[in-house]
């Protein structure tokens, strides 16, 4: 795995990690949508 692919993977991983943490920690946001 080259550096660019590793960087992209890291960004995607952190994005989804933060996204799911926000999603699970705020049920009111789900009800609004």
N, C-alpha and C. Protein backbone atom coordinates (compact mmCIF):
# COMPACT_ATOMS: atom_id res chain seq x y z
N UNK A 1 0.85 -1.20 0.00
CA UNK A 1 0.00 0.00 0.00
C UNK A 1 0.88 1.24 0.00
N UNK A 2 0.71 2.09 -0.99
CA UNK A 2 1.55 3.29 -1.05
C UNK A 2 1.03 4.37 -0.10
N UNK A 3 1.78 5.44 0.02
CA UNK A 3 1.46 6.47 1.00
C UNK A 3 0.14 7.16 0.69
N UNK A 4 -0.12 7.42 -0.59
CA UNK A 4 -1.36 8.11 -0.96
C UNK A 4 -2.58 7.27 -0.61
N UNK A 5 -2.54 5.99 -0.94
CA UNK A 5 -3.67 5.12 -0.63
C UNK A 5 -3.86 5.01 0.88
N UNK A 6 -2.75 4.96 1.60
CA UNK A 6 -2.83 4.86 3.05
C UNK A 6 -3.45 6.12 3.64
N UNK A 7 -3.10 7.27 3.10
CA UNK A 7 -3.65 8.54 3.58
C UNK A 7 -5.15 8.62 3.31
N UNK A 8 -5.55 8.23 2.11
CA UNK A 8 -6.97 8.25 1.75
C UNK A 8 -7.75 7.29 2.64
N UNK A 9 -7.21 6.10 2.86
CA UNK A 9 -7.87 5.13 3.72
C UNK A 9 -8.03 5.67 5.13
N UNK A 10 -6.99 6.35 5.62
CA UNK A 10 -7.03 6.92 6.97
C UNK A 10 -8.11 7.99 7.07
N UNK A 11 -8.20 8.85 6.06
CA UNK A 11 -9.21 9.90 6.07
C UNK A 11 -10.62 9.30 6.05
N UNK A 12 -10.84 8.31 5.18
CA UNK A 12 -12.15 7.67 5.09
C UNK A 12 -12.49 6.98 6.41
N UNK A 13 -11.50 6.29 7.00
CA UNK A 13 -11.73 5.58 8.25
C UNK A 13 -12.14 6.54 9.36
N UNK A 14 -11.41 7.65 9.50
CA UNK A 14 -11.74 8.61 10.55
C UNK A 14 -13.08 9.29 10.28
N UNK A 15 -13.38 9.54 9.01
CA UNK A 15 -14.66 10.16 8.66
C UNK A 15 -15.82 9.28 9.09
N UNK A 16 -15.77 7.99 8.73
CA UNK A 16 -16.85 7.08 9.09
C UNK A 16 -16.92 6.87 10.59
N UNK A 17 -15.75 6.82 11.25
CA UNK A 17 -15.72 6.64 12.70
C UNK A 17 -16.43 7.80 13.39
N UNK A 18 -16.08 9.02 12.97
CA UNK A 18 -16.72 10.19 13.57
C UNK A 18 -18.20 10.26 13.20
N UNK A 19 -18.53 9.89 11.95
CA UNK A 19 -19.92 9.94 11.49
C UNK A 19 -20.79 9.00 12.32
N UNK A 20 -20.34 7.77 12.53
CA UNK A 20 -21.14 6.81 13.27
C UNK A 20 -21.21 7.17 14.75
N UNK A 21 -20.15 7.76 15.29
CA UNK A 21 -20.18 8.19 16.69
C UNK A 21 -21.22 9.30 16.85
N UNK A 22 -21.24 10.26 15.94
CA UNK A 22 -22.24 11.33 15.99
C UNK A 22 -23.64 10.75 15.84
N UNK A 23 -23.80 9.80 14.91
CA UNK A 23 -25.10 9.23 14.62
C UNK A 23 -25.67 8.51 15.85
N UNK A 24 -24.83 7.75 16.54
CA UNK A 24 -25.31 6.97 17.68
C UNK A 24 -25.46 7.83 18.93
N UNK A 25 -24.68 8.91 19.04
CA UNK A 25 -24.72 9.71 20.26
C UNK A 25 -25.80 10.79 20.19
N UNK A 26 -26.46 10.95 19.04
CA UNK A 26 -27.51 11.97 18.93
C UNK A 26 -28.76 11.40 18.26
N UNK A 27 -29.59 10.68 19.00
CA UNK A 27 -30.83 10.12 18.42
C UNK A 27 -31.82 11.20 18.00
N UNK A 28 -31.74 12.38 18.62
CA UNK A 28 -32.65 13.47 18.26
C UNK A 28 -32.41 13.91 16.82
N UNK A 29 -31.16 13.79 16.36
CA UNK A 29 -30.84 14.17 14.98
C UNK A 29 -31.53 13.21 14.00
N UNK A 30 -31.62 11.94 14.39
CA UNK A 30 -32.28 10.96 13.53
C UNK A 30 -33.78 11.25 13.46
N UNK A 31 -34.38 11.61 14.58
CA UNK A 31 -35.82 11.88 14.60
C UNK A 31 -36.15 13.11 13.76
N UNK A 32 -35.26 14.09 13.74
CA UNK A 32 -35.50 15.32 12.98
C UNK A 32 -35.59 15.02 11.49
N UNK A 33 -34.83 14.05 11.01
CA UNK A 33 -34.83 13.69 9.59
C UNK A 33 -35.85 12.59 9.36
